[in-house]
């Protein structure tokens, strides 16, 4: 599956992981588990989680922590692939 196909499939996905004021550390295990069950996962980064950083920066950090590819970010939502 190429990058464009992942983006098309991600469009209809529901957000299944929310990152809040506890930060990305609190969702690493959950995201890792979800990526083990399915190849694409959509994550919403709430304002408290961003704490002055961009969604792209936080999503890139999270992708590194779970050894996944960051497919795209839109607004405050990111899509991960493994």
C-alpha atoms as a PDB file:
ATOM      1  CA  UNK A   1       0.000   0.000   0.000  1.00  0.00           C
ATOM      2  CA  UNK A   2       1.524   3.317  -1.044  1.00  0.00           C
ATOM      3  CA  UNK A   3       1.313   6.638   0.775  1.00  0.00           C
ATOM      4  CA  UNK A   4      -1.629   7.955  -1.269  1.00  0.00           C
ATOM      5  CA  UNK A   5      -3.629   4.777  -0.645  1.00  0.00           C
ATOM      6  CA  UNK A   6      -2.963   5.120   3.116  1.00  0.00           C
ATOM      7  CA  UNK A   7      -4.236   8.701   3.029  1.00  0.00           C
ATOM      8  CA  UNK A   8      -7.398   7.615   1.198  1.00  0.00           C
ATOM      9  CA  UNK A   9      -8.066   4.829   3.699  1.00  0.00           C
ATOM     10  CA  UNK A  10      -7.334   7.112   6.660  1.00  0.00           C
ATOM     11  CA  UNK A  11      -9.953   9.613   5.546  1.00  0.00           C
ATOM     12  CA  UNK A  12     -12.844   7.429   6.741  1.00  0.00           C
ATOM     13  CA  UNK A  13     -11.178   6.243   9.953  1.00  0.00           C
ATOM     14  CA  UNK A  14     -12.514   7.325  13.312  1.00  0.00           C
ATOM     15  CA  UNK A  15     -10.146   8.744  15.915  1.00  0.00           C
ATOM     16  CA  UNK A  16      -9.340   5.946  18.378  1.00  0.00           C
ATOM     17  CA  UNK A  17      -6.587   7.582  20.455  1.00  0.00           C
ATOM     18  CA  UNK A  18      -6.810  10.993  22.119  1.00  0.00           C
ATOM     19  CA  UNK A  19      -3.741  12.702  23.544  1.00  0.00           C
ATOM     20  CA  UNK A  20      -4.657  15.046  26.377  1.00  0.00           C
ATOM     21  CA  UNK A  21      -2.954  16.927  29.182  1.00  0.00           C
ATOM     22  CA  UNK A  22      -1.049  13.809  30.300  1.00  0.00           C
ATOM     23  CA  UNK A  23       0.938  14.041  27.069  1.00  0.00           C
ATOM     24  CA  UNK A  24       2.087  11.497  24.556  1.00  0.00           C
ATOM     25  CA  UNK A  25       3.812   9.330  27.156  1.00  0.00           C
ATOM     26  CA  UNK A  26       0.412   8.232  28.426  1.00  0.00           C
ATOM     27  CA  UNK A  27      -0.737   6.905  25.025  1.00  0.00           C
ATOM     28  CA  UNK A  28       2.406   5.208  23.698  1.00  0.00           C
ATOM     29  CA  UNK A  29       1.363   1.731  24.864  1.00  0.00           C
ATOM     30  CA  UNK A  30      -2.225   2.151  23.648  1.00  0.00           C
ATOM     31  CA  UNK A  31      -1.122   3.322  20.202  1.00  0.00           C
ATOM     32  CA  UNK A  32       1.412   0.494  19.998  1.00  0.00           C
ATOM     33  CA  UNK A  33      -1.331  -2.036  20.838  1.00  0.00           C
ATOM     34  CA  UNK A  34      -3.714  -0.583  18.261  1.00  0.00           C
ATOM     35  CA  UNK A  35      -1.032  -0.606  15.568  1.00  0.00           C
ATOM     36  CA  UNK A  36      -0.469  -4.282  16.323  1.00  0.00           C
ATOM     37  CA  UNK A  37      -4.154  -4.970  15.631  1.00  0.00           C
ATOM     38  CA  UNK A  38      -4.580  -2.769  12.545  1.00  0.00           C
ATOM     39  CA  UNK A  39      -2.266  -0.999  10.160  1.00  0.00           C
ATOM     40  CA  UNK A  40      -3.713   2.540  10.341  1.00  0.00           C
ATOM     41  CA  UNK A  41      -4.615   4.468  13.496  1.00  0.00           C
ATOM     42  CA  UNK A  42      -5.922   8.024  13.751  1.00  0.00           C
ATOM     43  CA  UNK A  43      -4.869  10.108  16.777  1.00  0.00           C
ATOM     44  CA  UNK A  44      -6.259  13.453  17.960  1.00  0.00           C
ATOM     45  CA  UNK A  45      -3.888  15.772  19.818  1.00  0.00           C
ATOM     46  CA  UNK A  46      -5.883  18.031  22.119  1.00  0.00           C
ATOM     47  CA  UNK A  47      -4.707  21.560  22.915  1.00  0.00           C
ATOM     48  CA  UNK A  48      -3.353  20.614  26.349  1.00  0.00           C
ATOM     49  CA  UNK A  49      -1.168  17.920  24.771  1.00  0.00           C
ATOM     50  CA  UNK A  50       0.462  20.276  22.285  1.00  0.00           C
ATOM     51  CA  UNK A  51       1.692  22.734  24.954  1.00  0.00           C
ATOM     52  CA  UNK A  52       3.069  25.222  22.460  1.00  0.00           C
ATOM     53  CA  UNK A  53       4.499  22.668  20.016  1.00  0.00           C
ATOM     54  CA  UNK A  54       2.984  21.953  16.630  1.00  0.00           C
ATOM     55  CA  UNK A  55       0.890  18.891  15.935  1.00  0.00           C
ATOM     56  CA  UNK A  56       3.540  17.793  13.424  1.00  0.00           C
ATOM     57  CA  UNK A  57       6.302  17.905  16.078  1.00  0.00           C
ATOM     58  CA  UNK A  58       4.281  15.943  18.626  1.00  0.00           C
ATOM     59  CA  UNK A  59       3.115  13.412  16.035  1.00  0.00           C
ATOM     60  CA  UNK A  60       6.670  12.852  14.790  1.00  0.00           C
ATOM     61  CA  UNK A  61       7.826  12.229  18.357  1.00  0.00           C
ATOM     62  CA  UNK A  62       4.973   9.784  18.927  1.00  0.00           C
ATOM     63  CA  UNK A  63       5.730   7.953  15.652  1.00  0.00           C
ATOM     64  CA  UNK A  64       9.351   7.521  16.748  1.00  0.00           C
ATOM     65  CA  UNK A  65       8.278   6.118  20.110  1.00  0.00           C
ATOM     66  CA  UNK A  66       6.038   3.430  18.601  1.00  0.00           C
ATOM     67  CA  UNK A  67       8.242   2.714  15.565  1.00  0.00           C
ATOM     68  CA  UNK A  68       5.529   3.734  13.095  1.00  0.00           C
ATOM     69  CA  UNK A  69       5.306   5.913  10.024  1.00  0.00           C
ATOM     70  CA  UNK A  70       3.524   9.241  10.283  1.00  0.00           C
ATOM     71  CA  UNK A  71       1.258   9.168   7.233  1.00  0.00           C
ATOM     72  CA  UNK A  72      -0.109  12.701   7.576  1.00  0.00           C
ATOM     73  CA  UNK A  73      -1.293  15.397   9.937  1.00  0.00           C
ATOM     74  CA  UNK A  74      -4.370  17.506   9.359  1.00  0.00           C
ATOM     75  CA  UNK A  75      -5.313  20.151  11.828  1.00  0.00           C
ATOM     76  CA  UNK A  76      -4.717  18.486  15.179  1.00  0.00           C
ATOM     77  CA  UNK A  77      -5.146  14.922  13.926  1.00  0.00           C
ATOM     78  CA  UNK A  78      -2.389  12.533  12.885  1.00  0.00           C
ATOM     79  CA  UNK A  79      -2.484   9.171  11.117  1.00  0.00           C
ATOM     80  CA  UNK A  80       0.066   6.446  11.876  1.00  0.00           C
ATOM     81  CA  UNK A  81       0.924   3.348   9.869  1.00  0.00           C
ATOM     82  CA  UNK A  82       2.808   0.176  10.718  1.00  0.00           C
END
